[in-house]
Amino acid sequence: MLLPLTNVAQTPASSVFSEDFLPVWERAQAYTLAVAEAMPEEKYHDKPVAEVFSFGEQQMHIAGNLQWLYATYILNQPLSSLDVAAEGKTKEEIIQHLTTVMGTITQAMKSLPQGAENDSVRFFNEMMMNKKRVFLLMRDHMTHHRAQMILYLRLNGIEPPAYVGW
């Protein structure tokens, strides 16, 4: 039998979103960086086929997407520049760039005024969504490309780090 929730004190979603989001985001960051570290430097610019990103490009794409989503939809500011090129960068430089960008998103979430995650934004000038959904999109997009990186590890006979997402 289901009980009605009318007599249960409920906390508004706006006050708990960052509490729910941050621990999962921080674990996702750590896992993504562990996957990035697992690939040897000499394989960073390899591609399984010509039409896809290299291992390093996957990370630069994640970082670029995070920067763009943050500037455009969280700050509501044009992005002055965006570095997504992996070519000519070392493994260490790519990982450092990704680490810095992910840290920016962590700080953005920590400093987001209570309730601001419910502010509406027009996504791609087509649909309305709130900033909470933008943060969730950031995590989902990172997960998508991290999964591709895991596949690259396996294609190179490298055991990926154990999953730590929950």
N, C-alpha and C. Protein backbone atom coordinates (compact mmCIF):
# COMPACT_ATOMS: atom_id res chain seq x y z
N MET A 1 0.84 -1.18 0.00
CA MET A 1 0.00 0.00 0.00
C MET A 1 0.88 1.24 0.00
N LEU A 2 0.62 2.18 -0.88
CA LEU A 2 1.36 3.43 -0.94
C LEU A 2 0.73 4.44 -0.01
N LEU A 3 1.56 5.16 0.74
CA LEU A 3 1.06 6.19 1.64
C LEU A 3 1.16 7.54 0.97
N PRO A 4 0.18 8.39 1.18
CA PRO A 4 0.26 9.73 0.60
C PRO A 4 1.39 10.52 1.26
N LEU A 5 2.00 11.41 0.48
CA LEU A 5 3.12 12.21 0.99
C LEU A 5 2.68 13.57 1.49
N THR A 6 1.42 13.80 1.64
CA THR A 6 0.94 15.14 2.00
C THR A 6 1.39 15.58 3.38
N ASN A 7 1.63 14.67 4.29
CA ASN A 7 2.03 15.04 5.64
C ASN A 7 3.54 14.96 5.87
N VAL A 8 4.30 14.69 4.83
CA VAL A 8 5.75 14.56 4.95
C VAL A 8 6.40 15.89 4.63
N ALA A 9 7.28 16.34 5.50
CA ALA A 9 8.02 17.59 5.22
C ALA A 9 8.93 17.34 4.03
N GLN A 10 8.86 18.20 3.06
CA GLN A 10 9.67 18.03 1.87
C GLN A 10 10.60 19.22 1.70
N THR A 11 11.83 18.93 1.32
CA THR A 11 12.81 19.97 1.04
C THR A 11 12.71 20.32 -0.43
N PRO A 12 12.63 21.60 -0.75
CA PRO A 12 12.56 21.95 -2.17
C PRO A 12 13.78 21.43 -2.92
N ALA A 13 13.55 20.98 -4.16
CA ALA A 13 14.65 20.42 -4.96
C ALA A 13 15.79 21.40 -5.11
N SER A 14 15.49 22.70 -5.14
CA SER A 14 16.53 23.69 -5.35
C SER A 14 17.57 23.69 -4.24
N SER A 15 17.19 23.27 -3.03
CA SER A 15 18.15 23.30 -1.93
C SER A 15 19.00 22.04 -1.87
N VAL A 16 18.60 20.99 -2.56
CA VAL A 16 19.35 19.75 -2.48
C VAL A 16 20.07 19.38 -3.78
N PHE A 17 19.83 20.11 -4.85
CA PHE A 17 20.44 19.72 -6.12
C PHE A 17 21.96 19.65 -6.03
N SER A 18 22.60 20.69 -5.53
CA SER A 18 24.06 20.67 -5.47
C SER A 18 24.55 19.58 -4.52
N GLU A 19 23.82 19.35 -3.44
CA GLU A 19 24.19 18.26 -2.52
C GLU A 19 24.12 16.90 -3.21
N ASP A 20 23.15 16.73 -4.09
CA ASP A 20 23.02 15.48 -4.83
C ASP A 20 24.00 15.41 -5.99
N PHE A 21 24.17 16.53 -6.69
CA PHE A 21 24.98 16.54 -7.90
C PHE A 21 26.48 16.45 -7.60
N LEU A 22 26.96 17.22 -6.64
CA LEU A 22 28.41 17.34 -6.44
C LEU A 22 29.13 16.02 -6.14
N PRO A 23 28.64 15.19 -5.22
CA PRO A 23 29.38 13.94 -4.97
C PRO A 23 29.47 13.04 -6.20
N VAL A 24 28.41 12.98 -6.97
CA VAL A 24 28.41 12.15 -8.19
C VAL A 24 29.34 12.78 -9.23
N TRP A 25 29.28 14.10 -9.37
CA TRP A 25 30.16 14.82 -10.30
C TRP A 25 31.62 14.60 -9.93
N GLU A 26 31.94 14.70 -8.66
CA GLU A 26 33.33 14.54 -8.23
C GLU A 26 33.83 13.13 -8.47
N ARG A 27 32.98 12.13 -8.27
CA ARG A 27 33.38 10.75 -8.58
C ARG A 27 33.53 10.56 -10.09
N ALA A 28 32.65 11.17 -10.86
CA ALA A 28 32.74 11.08 -12.33
C ALA A 28 34.03 11.73 -12.82
N GLN A 29 34.40 12.86 -12.22
CA GLN A 29 35.67 13.51 -12.56
C GLN A 29 36.85 12.59 -12.28
N ALA A 30 36.87 12.05 -11.08
CA ALA A 30 37.97 11.19 -10.67
C ALA A 30 38.08 9.98 -11.59
N TYR A 31 36.95 9.40 -11.93
CA TYR A 31 36.95 8.23 -12.80
C TYR A 31 37.42 8.59 -14.20
N THR A 32 36.95 9.72 -14.72
CA THR A 32 37.38 10.17 -16.04
C THR A 32 38.88 10.40 -16.07
N LEU A 33 39.41 11.01 -15.04
CA LEU A 33 40.85 11.26 -14.98
C LEU A 33 41.64 9.96 -14.82
N ALA A 34 41.10 9.00 -14.09
CA ALA A 34 41.76 7.69 -13.97
C ALA A 34 41.81 6.99 -15.33
N VAL A 35 40.73 7.10 -16.09
CA VAL A 35 40.70 6.52 -17.44
C VAL A 35 41.74 7.23 -18.31
N ALA A 36 41.81 8.56 -18.20
CA ALA A 36 42.78 9.34 -18.99
C ALA A 36 44.22 8.93 -18.64
N GLU A 37 44.48 8.71 -17.39
CA GLU A 37 45.83 8.32 -16.95
C GLU A 37 46.21 6.92 -17.42
N ALA A 38 45.23 6.06 -17.62
CA ALA A 38 45.50 4.66 -17.95
C ALA A 38 46.13 4.47 -19.34
N MET A 39 45.89 5.39 -20.24
CA MET A 39 46.43 5.25 -21.60
C MET A 39 47.88 5.74 -21.63
N PRO A 40 48.78 4.94 -22.19
CA PRO A 40 50.17 5.40 -22.32
C PRO A 40 50.26 6.60 -23.26
N GLU A 41 51.21 7.46 -22.99
CA GLU A 41 51.42 8.68 -23.79
C GLU A 41 51.51 8.38 -25.29
N GLU A 42 52.20 7.31 -25.65
CA GLU A 42 52.42 7.04 -27.08
C GLU A 42 51.13 6.65 -27.82
N LYS A 43 50.06 6.37 -27.09
CA LYS A 43 48.78 6.02 -27.71
C LYS A 43 47.77 7.17 -27.67
N TYR A 44 48.15 8.29 -27.12
CA TYR A 44 47.22 9.40 -26.90
C TYR A 44 46.66 9.99 -28.19
N HIS A 45 47.40 9.92 -29.27
CA HIS A 45 46.94 10.54 -30.51
C HIS A 45 46.51 9.50 -31.55
N ASP A 46 46.42 8.24 -31.13
CA ASP A 46 45.95 7.18 -32.02
C ASP A 46 44.44 7.21 -32.13
N LYS A 47 43.95 6.77 -33.30
CA LYS A 47 42.52 6.64 -33.54
C LYS A 47 42.24 5.22 -34.00
N PRO A 48 41.15 4.60 -33.52
CA PRO A 48 40.82 3.26 -34.01
C PRO A 48 40.43 3.29 -35.49
N VAL A 49 39.79 4.36 -35.95
CA VAL A 49 39.48 4.61 -37.35
C VAL A 49 39.61 6.11 -37.60
N ALA A 50 39.82 6.49 -38.83
CA ALA A 50 40.11 7.89 -39.15
C ALA A 50 38.98 8.86 -38.80
N GLU A 51 37.75 8.41 -38.81
CA GLU A 51 36.60 9.30 -38.64
C GLU A 51 36.30 9.70 -37.20
N VAL A 52 37.04 9.20 -36.23
CA VAL A 52 36.71 9.46 -34.82
C VAL A 52 37.81 10.26 -34.14
N PHE A 53 37.50 10.75 -32.95
CA PHE A 53 38.49 11.45 -32.14
C PHE A 53 39.57 10.48 -31.68
N SER A 54 40.77 11.00 -31.52
CA SER A 54 41.83 10.23 -30.84
C SER A 54 41.50 10.22 -29.35
N PHE A 55 42.27 9.46 -28.59
CA PHE A 55 42.07 9.39 -27.15
C PHE A 55 42.21 10.78 -26.53
N GLY A 56 43.23 11.52 -26.91
CA GLY A 56 43.43 12.88 -26.41
C GLY A 56 42.35 13.83 -26.88
N GLU A 57 41.91 13.67 -28.12
CA GLU A 57 40.84 14.52 -28.64
C GLU A 57 39.53 14.29 -27.89
N GLN A 58 39.30 13.06 -27.44
CA GLN A 58 38.10 12.79 -26.64
C GLN A 58 38.10 13.70 -25.41
N GLN A 59 39.25 13.80 -24.75
CA GLN A 59 39.34 14.60 -23.53
C GLN A 59 39.23 16.10 -23.82
N MET A 60 39.86 16.54 -24.90
CA MET A 60 39.77 17.95 -25.26
C MET A 60 38.34 18.31 -25.66
N HIS A 61 37.64 17.36 -26.28
CA HIS A 61 36.24 17.58 -26.63
C HIS A 61 35.39 17.68 -25.37
N ILE A 62 35.62 16.82 -24.40
CA ILE A 62 34.90 16.90 -23.13
C ILE A 62 35.12 18.28 -22.51
N ALA A 63 36.39 18.69 -22.42
CA ALA A 63 36.71 19.98 -21.81
C ALA A 63 36.06 21.13 -22.58
N GLY A 64 36.14 21.10 -23.89
CA GLY A 64 35.55 22.15 -24.69
C GLY A 64 34.05 22.24 -24.52
N ASN A 65 33.39 21.09 -24.48
CA ASN A 65 31.94 21.08 -24.30
C ASN A 65 31.57 21.62 -22.93
N LEU A 66 32.31 21.22 -21.90
CA LEU A 66 32.04 21.74 -20.56
C LEU A 66 32.20 23.25 -20.52
N GLN A 67 33.27 23.76 -21.13
CA GLN A 67 33.50 25.21 -21.15
C GLN A 67 32.37 25.92 -21.88
N TRP A 68 31.98 25.41 -23.02
CA TRP A 68 30.94 26.03 -23.82
C TRP A 68 29.60 26.03 -23.08
N LEU A 69 29.20 24.89 -22.53
CA LEU A 69 27.93 24.81 -21.80
C LEU A 69 27.94 25.74 -20.60
N TYR A 70 29.05 25.77 -19.88
CA TYR A 70 29.17 26.62 -18.70
C TYR A 70 29.04 28.10 -19.07
N ALA A 71 29.82 28.53 -20.03
CA ALA A 71 29.79 29.95 -20.43
C ALA A 71 28.43 30.33 -20.99
N THR A 72 27.93 29.53 -21.90
CA THR A 72 26.72 29.86 -22.64
C THR A 72 25.45 29.78 -21.79
N TYR A 73 25.34 28.71 -20.99
CA TYR A 73 24.07 28.46 -20.32
C TYR A 73 24.08 28.67 -18.82
N ILE A 74 25.22 28.62 -18.18
CA ILE A 74 25.26 28.88 -16.74
C ILE A 74 25.60 30.35 -16.50
N LEU A 75 26.63 30.86 -17.17
CA LEU A 75 27.02 32.26 -17.02
C LEU A 75 26.24 33.20 -17.93
N ASN A 76 25.67 32.66 -19.00
CA ASN A 76 24.97 33.46 -20.01
C ASN A 76 25.91 34.50 -20.61
N GLN A 77 27.11 34.05 -20.96
CA GLN A 77 28.13 34.92 -21.54
C GLN A 77 28.71 34.25 -22.79
N PRO A 78 29.09 35.04 -23.77
CA PRO A 78 29.75 34.44 -24.93
C PRO A 78 31.11 33.89 -24.52
N LEU A 79 31.50 32.81 -25.12
CA LEU A 79 32.80 32.20 -24.85
C LEU A 79 33.84 32.90 -25.70
N SER A 80 34.84 33.50 -25.06
CA SER A 80 35.82 34.30 -25.80
C SER A 80 36.75 33.44 -26.64
N SER A 81 37.12 32.27 -26.15
CA SER A 81 37.97 31.36 -26.92
C SER A 81 37.74 29.94 -26.42
N LEU A 82 38.08 29.00 -27.26
CA LEU A 82 37.87 27.60 -26.92
C LEU A 82 39.00 26.78 -27.54
N ASP A 83 39.79 26.15 -26.69
CA ASP A 83 40.89 25.31 -27.17
C ASP A 83 40.46 23.86 -27.11
N VAL A 84 40.23 23.25 -28.26
CA VAL A 84 39.85 21.84 -28.31
C VAL A 84 40.88 20.99 -29.06
N ALA A 85 41.99 21.60 -29.42
CA ALA A 85 43.01 20.88 -30.19
C ALA A 85 43.89 20.03 -29.28
N ALA A 86 43.98 18.75 -29.59
CA ALA A 86 44.86 17.85 -28.85
C ALA A 86 46.22 17.73 -29.54
N GLU A 87 46.23 17.95 -30.84
CA GLU A 87 47.47 17.84 -31.62
C GLU A 87 48.53 18.77 -31.04
N GLY A 88 49.71 18.22 -30.84
CA GLY A 88 50.82 19.00 -30.30
C GLY A 88 50.85 19.09 -28.79
N LYS A 89 49.84 18.53 -28.13
CA LYS A 89 49.80 18.55 -26.67
C LYS A 89 50.22 17.18 -26.13
N THR A 90 50.88 17.20 -24.99
CA THR A 90 51.28 15.96 -24.33
C THR A 90 50.11 15.41 -23.52
N LYS A 91 50.25 14.18 -23.11
CA LYS A 91 49.27 13.57 -22.22
C LYS A 91 49.08 14.44 -20.98
N GLU A 92 50.16 14.87 -20.39
CA GLU A 92 50.10 15.69 -19.18
C GLU A 92 49.35 17.00 -19.42
N GLU A 93 49.62 17.64 -20.55
CA GLU A 93 48.95 18.91 -20.87
C GLU A 93 47.45 18.71 -21.07
N ILE A 94 47.09 17.64 -21.73
CA ILE A 94 45.68 17.35 -21.98
C ILE A 94 44.96 17.07 -20.66
N ILE A 95 45.56 16.23 -19.84
CA ILE A 95 44.94 15.90 -18.55
C ILE A 95 44.85 17.14 -17.67
N GLN A 96 45.87 17.97 -17.68
CA GLN A 96 45.83 19.20 -16.88
C GLN A 96 44.71 20.13 -17.35
N HIS A 97 44.56 20.25 -18.65
CA HIS A 97 43.49 21.10 -19.20
C HIS A 97 42.12 20.56 -18.77
N LEU A 98 41.91 19.27 -18.92
CA LEU A 98 40.64 18.66 -18.53
C LEU A 98 40.40 18.83 -17.04
N THR A 99 41.43 18.63 -16.24
CA THR A 99 41.31 18.79 -14.79
C THR A 99 40.89 20.20 -14.42
N THR A 100 41.51 21.18 -15.05
CA THR A 100 41.19 22.59 -14.77
C THR A 100 39.75 22.90 -15.12
N VAL A 101 39.31 22.45 -16.29
CA VAL A 101 37.93 22.73 -16.72
C VAL A 101 36.94 22.04 -15.80
N MET A 102 37.18 20.78 -15.45
CA MET A 102 36.27 20.09 -14.55
C MET A 102 36.22 20.79 -13.19
N GLY A 103 37.36 21.30 -12.74
CA GLY A 103 37.39 22.05 -11.48
C GLY A 103 36.56 23.32 -11.55
N THR A 104 36.54 23.95 -12.71
CA THR A 104 35.71 25.14 -12.90
C THR A 104 34.24 24.79 -12.73
N ILE A 105 33.83 23.66 -13.27
CA ILE A 105 32.43 23.24 -13.15
C ILE A 105 32.11 22.92 -11.70
N THR A 106 33.02 22.28 -11.00
CA THR A 106 32.82 21.99 -9.58
C THR A 106 32.62 23.30 -8.80
N GLN A 107 33.50 24.26 -9.03
CA GLN A 107 33.38 25.54 -8.34
C GLN A 107 32.10 26.27 -8.73
N ALA A 108 31.70 26.17 -9.98
CA ALA A 108 30.46 26.80 -10.43
C ALA A 108 29.27 26.24 -9.67
N MET A 109 29.25 24.94 -9.51
CA MET A 109 28.14 24.32 -8.79
C MET A 109 28.18 24.73 -7.31
N LYS A 110 29.37 24.76 -6.73
CA LYS A 110 29.48 25.13 -5.31
C LYS A 110 29.07 26.58 -5.07
N SER A 111 29.29 27.44 -6.04
CA SER A 111 28.99 28.86 -5.84
C SER A 111 27.67 29.29 -6.46
N LEU A 112 26.96 28.38 -7.07
CA LEU A 112 25.67 28.71 -7.68
C LEU A 112 24.69 29.12 -6.58
N PRO A 113 24.11 30.32 -6.68
CA PRO A 113 23.15 30.75 -5.66
C PRO A 113 21.99 29.75 -5.55
N GLN A 114 21.53 29.53 -4.33
CA GLN A 114 20.43 28.60 -4.13
C GLN A 114 19.24 29.00 -4.99
N GLY A 115 18.71 28.05 -5.69
CA GLY A 115 17.57 28.28 -6.57
C GLY A 115 17.95 28.63 -8.00
N ALA A 116 19.20 29.06 -8.23
CA ALA A 116 19.61 29.45 -9.59
C ALA A 116 19.61 28.28 -10.55
N GLU A 117 19.72 27.06 -10.03
CA GLU A 117 19.70 25.90 -10.92
C GLU A 117 18.33 25.73 -11.59
N ASN A 118 17.33 26.43 -11.07
CA ASN A 118 16.00 26.37 -11.67
C ASN A 118 15.76 27.48 -12.69
N ASP A 119 16.73 28.37 -12.86
CA ASP A 119 16.61 29.44 -13.85
C ASP A 119 16.53 28.82 -15.24
N SER A 120 15.66 29.36 -16.06
CA SER A 120 15.47 28.84 -17.41
C SER A 120 16.48 29.43 -18.39
N VAL A 121 16.87 28.60 -19.33
CA VAL A 121 17.73 29.02 -20.44
C VAL A 121 17.14 28.45 -21.72
N ARG A 122 17.38 29.15 -22.82
CA ARG A 122 16.92 28.64 -24.12
C ARG A 122 18.06 27.86 -24.73
N PHE A 123 17.92 26.56 -24.79
CA PHE A 123 18.98 25.67 -25.24
C PHE A 123 18.97 25.59 -26.77
N PHE A 124 20.10 25.94 -27.38
CA PHE A 124 20.23 25.95 -28.84
C PHE A 124 19.12 26.76 -29.51
N ASN A 125 18.65 27.79 -28.83
CA ASN A 125 17.57 28.64 -29.34
C ASN A 125 16.31 27.87 -29.71
N GLU A 126 16.15 26.68 -29.16
CA GLU A 126 15.00 25.87 -29.53
C GLU A 126 14.11 25.52 -28.35
N MET A 127 14.69 25.01 -27.28
CA MET A 127 13.86 24.54 -26.19
C MET A 127 14.29 25.19 -24.88
N MET A 128 13.34 25.33 -24.00
CA MET A 128 13.64 25.87 -22.68
C MET A 128 14.03 24.72 -21.76
N MET A 129 15.06 24.97 -20.98
CA MET A 129 15.46 24.01 -19.94
C MET A 129 16.04 24.82 -18.79
N ASN A 130 16.15 24.19 -17.63
CA ASN A 130 16.74 24.92 -16.52
C ASN A 130 18.23 24.58 -16.41
N LYS A 131 18.94 25.36 -15.60
CA LYS A 131 20.38 25.18 -15.46
C LYS A 131 20.71 23.82 -14.85
N LYS A 132 19.82 23.30 -14.05
CA LYS A 132 20.02 21.96 -13.48
C LYS A 132 20.20 20.94 -14.60
N ARG A 133 19.37 21.03 -15.62
CA ARG A 133 19.47 20.11 -16.75
C ARG A 133 20.77 20.32 -17.51
N VAL A 134 21.27 21.55 -17.54
CA VAL A 134 22.55 21.81 -18.21
C VAL A 134 23.67 21.11 -17.45
N PHE A 135 23.67 21.21 -16.12
CA PHE A 135 24.68 20.50 -15.33
C PHE A 135 24.59 18.99 -15.54
N LEU A 136 23.37 18.47 -15.59
CA LEU A 136 23.20 17.03 -15.84
C LEU A 136 23.67 16.66 -17.24
N LEU A 137 23.43 17.54 -18.21
CA LEU A 137 23.92 17.31 -19.57
C LEU A 137 25.44 17.26 -19.59
N MET A 138 26.09 18.14 -18.83
CA MET A 138 27.55 18.13 -18.76
C MET A 138 28.05 16.76 -18.30
N ARG A 139 27.44 16.24 -17.25
CA ARG A 139 27.86 14.94 -16.73
C ARG A 139 27.56 13.83 -17.72
N ASP A 140 26.41 13.89 -18.36
CA ASP A 140 26.03 12.87 -19.33
C ASP A 140 26.98 12.87 -20.53
N HIS A 141 27.32 14.05 -21.01
CA HIS A 141 28.22 14.16 -22.16
C HIS A 141 29.61 13.63 -21.80
N MET A 142 30.08 13.96 -20.59
CA MET A 142 31.38 13.45 -20.15
C MET A 142 31.35 11.92 -20.08
N THR A 143 30.26 11.38 -19.56
CA THR A 143 30.12 9.92 -19.47
C THR A 143 30.16 9.28 -20.85
N HIS A 144 29.49 9.88 -21.80
CA HIS A 144 29.45 9.36 -23.18
C HIS A 144 30.87 9.25 -23.75
N HIS A 145 31.65 10.31 -23.63
CA HIS A 145 33.00 10.29 -24.20
C HIS A 145 33.98 9.48 -23.36
N ARG A 146 33.76 9.40 -22.07
CA ARG A 146 34.60 8.53 -21.24
C ARG A 146 34.38 7.08 -21.64
N ALA A 147 33.16 6.72 -21.97
CA ALA A 147 32.88 5.35 -22.42
C ALA A 147 33.65 5.04 -23.70
N GLN A 148 33.76 6.02 -24.59
CA GLN A 148 34.56 5.81 -25.79
C GLN A 148 36.03 5.64 -25.44
N MET A 149 36.50 6.41 -24.46
CA MET A 149 37.90 6.28 -24.02
C MET A 149 38.16 4.89 -23.43
N ILE A 150 37.18 4.37 -22.70
CA ILE A 150 37.31 3.02 -22.14
C ILE A 150 37.43 1.99 -23.26
N LEU A 151 36.65 2.18 -24.30
CA LEU A 151 36.75 1.28 -25.45
C LEU A 151 38.14 1.35 -26.08
N TYR A 152 38.70 2.56 -26.20
CA TYR A 152 40.04 2.72 -26.75
C TYR A 152 41.06 1.97 -25.89
N LEU A 153 40.90 2.05 -24.56
CA LEU A 153 41.80 1.30 -23.68
C LEU A 153 41.71 -0.19 -23.99
N ARG A 154 40.49 -0.70 -24.06
CA ARG A 154 40.30 -2.14 -24.32
C ARG A 154 40.85 -2.54 -25.69
N LEU A 155 40.68 -1.69 -26.69
CA LEU A 155 41.23 -1.98 -28.02
C LEU A 155 42.75 -2.07 -27.99
N ASN A 156 43.37 -1.42 -27.01
CA ASN A 156 44.82 -1.48 -26.85
C ASN A 156 45.25 -2.49 -25.80
N GLY A 157 44.34 -3.36 -25.38
CA GLY A 157 44.66 -4.40 -24.42
C GLY A 157 44.92 -3.87 -23.01
N ILE A 158 44.38 -2.71 -22.69
CA ILE A 158 44.59 -2.11 -21.37
C ILE A 158 43.32 -2.26 -20.55
N GLU A 159 43.47 -2.79 -19.35
CA GLU A 159 42.34 -2.93 -18.43
C GLU A 159 41.97 -1.55 -17.90
N PRO A 160 40.73 -1.10 -18.11
CA PRO A 160 40.35 0.21 -17.60
C PRO A 160 40.22 0.19 -16.07
N PRO A 161 40.32 1.36 -15.46
CA PRO A 161 40.13 1.42 -14.00
C PRO A 161 38.73 0.94 -13.64
N ALA A 162 38.60 0.42 -12.44
CA ALA A 162 37.29 -0.04 -11.96
C ALA A 162 36.35 1.15 -11.82
N TYR A 163 35.10 0.92 -12.15
CA TYR A 163 34.08 1.97 -12.12
C TYR A 163 33.82 2.43 -10.69
N VAL A 164 33.70 3.75 -10.51
CA VAL A 164 33.45 4.31 -9.19
C VAL A 164 32.35 5.38 -9.25
N GLY A 165 31.37 5.20 -10.08
CA GLY A 165 30.40 6.25 -10.35
C GLY A 165 29.30 6.46 -9.33
N TRP A 166 29.05 5.54 -8.46
CA TRP A 166 27.92 5.75 -7.56
C TRP A 166 28.32 6.36 -6.25
